């Protein structure tokens, strides 16, 4: 949404959330990247060339995952904490899910008090509200071709002020199918 008197001010951010690419950049992603303001990657990048390609298209926020080597770990951190609009975000790769967070992570989240907590790792798409810690939890699943998931998934949503809205689950096809 743009302010008509000040067209350069963007009052909403369109986010594309991906994870567990394991070095595979699905060609189907590009049409969704084009419509996003930012791309967020929740770890297991697999190849920094993938991040370079994404950064040529849109601003990228990313964390490293357990399969990522020293090059990724030098460029990205294990945890990313930032504010976008009026939403505080925490991203890490290995996070579990509400009621099943590792104790160290739960303590971290209690201290940071995010509105939105994002992780990857499980290759299982999950979006749920954490009633105890009072934040929205998102895991976009996996959009790479390595792992046990059957369908490659990503999430798309908007952040406007303090609202996280217009969430869409996007399926990119079978993990085992080759790009057409």
Protein backbone atom coordinates (compact mmCIF):
# COMPACT_ATOMS: atom_id res chain seq x y z
CA UNK A 1 0.00 0.00 0.00
CA UNK A 2 1.44 3.36 -0.99
CA UNK A 3 0.69 6.75 0.45
CA UNK A 4 -0.57 8.87 -2.50
CA UNK A 5 1.07 12.06 -1.23
CA UNK A 6 4.41 10.36 -0.62
CA UNK A 7 4.78 7.50 -3.13
CA UNK A 8 8.30 6.64 -1.94
CA UNK A 9 7.00 5.57 1.49
CA UNK A 10 6.01 1.90 1.52
CA UNK A 11 3.60 1.28 4.37
CA UNK A 12 3.56 -2.50 3.93
CA UNK A 13 6.21 -5.18 3.40
CA UNK A 14 5.59 -8.26 1.27
CA UNK A 15 7.72 -11.14 2.54
CA UNK A 16 8.68 -14.41 0.86
CA UNK A 17 9.83 -16.95 3.45
CA UNK A 18 11.91 -19.95 2.37
CA UNK A 19 14.02 -22.57 4.10
CA UNK A 20 16.05 -25.70 3.53
CA UNK A 21 17.07 -25.01 -0.05
CA UNK A 22 20.17 -27.20 0.38
CA UNK A 23 21.76 -25.39 -2.58
CA UNK A 24 18.74 -25.76 -4.89
CA UNK A 25 17.10 -22.60 -6.25
CA UNK A 26 13.81 -23.75 -7.76
CA UNK A 27 13.05 -21.76 -10.95
CA UNK A 28 9.41 -21.51 -9.80
CA UNK A 29 10.56 -19.25 -6.96
CA UNK A 30 11.39 -16.35 -9.27
CA UNK A 31 7.80 -15.28 -9.95
CA UNK A 32 7.18 -15.09 -6.19
CA UNK A 33 10.46 -13.29 -5.50
CA UNK A 34 9.48 -10.70 -8.10
CA UNK A 35 6.31 -9.85 -6.12
CA UNK A 36 8.08 -9.69 -2.72
CA UNK A 37 9.79 -6.74 -1.06
CA UNK A 38 12.17 -9.02 0.88
CA UNK A 39 13.19 -12.68 0.92
CA UNK A 40 13.87 -14.37 4.27
CA UNK A 41 15.76 -17.67 4.42
CA UNK A 42 15.49 -19.79 7.59
CA UNK A 43 18.69 -21.77 7.08
CA UNK A 44 20.23 -24.80 5.40
CA UNK A 45 21.19 -22.58 2.49
CA UNK A 46 23.66 -25.09 1.08
CA UNK A 47 25.48 -22.79 -1.33
CA UNK A 48 26.29 -19.09 -1.02
CA UNK A 49 25.79 -18.68 -4.79
CA UNK A 50 22.09 -19.17 -4.04
CA UNK A 51 22.16 -16.16 -1.67
CA UNK A 52 24.11 -14.11 -4.21
CA UNK A 53 21.42 -14.84 -6.81
CA UNK A 54 18.64 -13.90 -4.40
CA UNK A 55 20.37 -10.68 -3.31
CA UNK A 56 20.58 -9.54 -6.94
CA UNK A 57 16.78 -9.62 -7.01
CA UNK A 58 15.61 -8.53 -3.54
CA UNK A 59 16.94 -7.71 -0.08
CA UNK A 60 17.74 -10.96 1.75
CA UNK A 61 17.67 -11.77 5.44
CA UNK A 62 19.08 -15.21 6.30
CA UNK A 63 20.49 -17.43 9.03
CA UNK A 64 22.77 -20.42 8.64
CA UNK A 65 21.57 -23.97 9.23
CA UNK A 66 23.15 -27.17 10.45
CA UNK A 67 24.31 -28.26 6.97
CA UNK A 68 25.92 -24.91 6.17
CA UNK A 69 29.69 -24.68 6.16
CA UNK A 70 32.13 -22.07 7.40
CA UNK A 71 31.48 -19.74 4.45
CA UNK A 72 27.78 -19.44 5.34
CA UNK A 73 28.56 -19.17 9.05
CA UNK A 74 30.91 -16.27 8.39
CA UNK A 75 28.31 -14.42 6.34
CA UNK A 76 25.17 -15.18 8.36
CA UNK A 77 24.45 -15.71 12.05
CA UNK A 78 22.62 -18.44 13.96
CA UNK A 79 19.98 -15.96 15.16
CA UNK A 80 18.63 -12.90 13.42
CA UNK A 81 16.59 -10.39 15.46
CA UNK A 82 15.12 -7.32 13.81
CA UNK A 83 12.13 -5.00 13.68
CA UNK A 84 10.06 -4.60 10.52
CA UNK A 85 7.21 -2.11 10.69
CA UNK A 86 5.98 -2.70 14.28
CA UNK A 87 6.75 -6.43 14.32
CA UNK A 88 9.75 -7.85 16.17
CA UNK A 89 11.10 -10.92 14.37
CA UNK A 90 13.43 -13.70 15.49
CA UNK A 91 14.74 -16.17 12.90
CA UNK A 92 16.89 -19.24 13.55
CA UNK A 93 17.21 -22.59 11.81
CA UNK A 94 16.60 -25.20 14.50
CA UNK A 95 13.66 -24.09 16.58
CA UNK A 96 11.11 -26.78 17.21
CA UNK A 97 7.59 -25.47 17.67
CA UNK A 98 5.33 -24.16 20.45
CA UNK A 99 5.38 -26.38 23.54
CA UNK A 100 8.36 -28.26 22.03
CA UNK A 101 11.11 -25.60 21.96
CA UNK A 102 14.53 -26.62 23.28
CA UNK A 103 14.92 -25.05 26.75
CA UNK A 104 17.77 -22.73 25.70
CA UNK A 105 15.69 -21.42 22.79
CA UNK A 106 12.59 -21.01 24.94
CA UNK A 107 14.59 -18.88 27.38
CA UNK A 108 15.95 -16.85 24.44
CA UNK A 109 12.42 -16.26 23.11
CA UNK A 110 11.13 -15.31 26.57
CA UNK A 111 13.91 -12.70 26.75
CA UNK A 112 13.51 -11.34 23.18
CA UNK A 113 9.68 -11.37 23.17
CA UNK A 114 9.22 -11.49 19.37
CA UNK A 115 5.87 -11.04 17.67
CA UNK A 116 7.00 -13.48 14.97
CA UNK A 117 9.31 -16.46 15.43
CA UNK A 118 10.59 -18.26 12.31
CA UNK A 119 12.58 -21.44 11.97
CA UNK A 120 13.24 -24.18 9.43
CA UNK A 121 15.07 -27.51 9.80
CA UNK A 122 12.13 -29.93 10.16
CA UNK A 123 11.08 -29.68 6.48
CA UNK A 124 7.54 -29.60 7.90
CA UNK A 125 5.39 -26.59 7.07
CA UNK A 126 3.83 -25.25 10.24
CA UNK A 127 2.15 -21.96 11.18
CA UNK A 128 0.66 -21.62 14.64
CA UNK A 129 0.18 -19.12 17.41
CA UNK A 130 2.18 -19.75 20.58
CA UNK A 131 -0.28 -18.90 23.33
CA UNK A 132 2.29 -19.17 26.10
CA UNK A 133 4.94 -16.90 24.55
CA UNK A 134 2.41 -14.78 22.62
CA UNK A 135 3.96 -14.89 19.16
CA UNK A 136 3.19 -16.31 15.74
CA UNK A 137 5.40 -19.28 14.85
CA UNK A 138 6.22 -20.02 11.19
CA UNK A 139 8.17 -22.78 9.51
CA UNK A 140 7.91 -22.63 5.71
CA UNK A 141 8.81 -26.29 5.23
CA UNK A 142 11.50 -26.94 2.62
CA UNK A 143 11.90 -25.77 -0.96
CA UNK A 144 14.99 -27.79 -1.84
CA UNK A 145 15.22 -31.28 -3.30
CA UNK A 146 17.08 -32.94 -0.38
CA UNK A 147 15.19 -34.33 2.60
CA UNK A 148 12.13 -36.40 3.36
CA UNK A 149 9.45 -33.83 2.46
CA UNK A 150 7.26 -34.75 -0.51
CA UNK A 151 6.22 -31.26 -1.63
CA UNK A 152 8.41 -28.14 -1.78
CA UNK A 153 6.71 -25.32 0.16
CA UNK A 154 7.25 -21.64 0.90
CA UNK A 155 5.25 -18.97 2.70
CA UNK A 156 4.21 -15.53 1.51
CA UNK A 157 2.75 -12.87 3.80
CA UNK A 158 2.54 -9.15 4.42
CA UNK A 159 3.49 -7.04 7.40
CA UNK A 160 1.68 -3.77 7.82
CA UNK A 161 2.15 -1.88 11.07
CA UNK A 162 1.78 -4.55 13.74
CA UNK A 163 -0.29 -6.88 11.55
CA UNK A 164 0.95 -10.06 9.89
CA UNK A 165 -1.63 -10.75 7.22
CA UNK A 166 -2.49 -12.31 3.87
CA UNK A 167 -0.52 -15.46 4.62
CA UNK A 168 -0.33 -17.93 1.72
CA UNK A 169 1.16 -21.39 1.53
CA UNK A 170 2.72 -21.95 -1.87
CA UNK A 171 3.51 -25.41 -3.15
CA UNK A 172 6.29 -25.57 -5.74
CA UNK A 173 5.67 -29.18 -6.72
CA UNK A 174 7.12 -32.54 -5.82
CA UNK A 175 10.55 -32.67 -4.19
CA UNK A 176 11.58 -35.34 -6.66
CA UNK A 177 10.29 -33.71 -9.85
CA UNK A 178 12.78 -31.97 -12.07
CA UNK A 179 12.10 -28.36 -13.09
CA UNK A 180 10.25 -28.10 -16.40
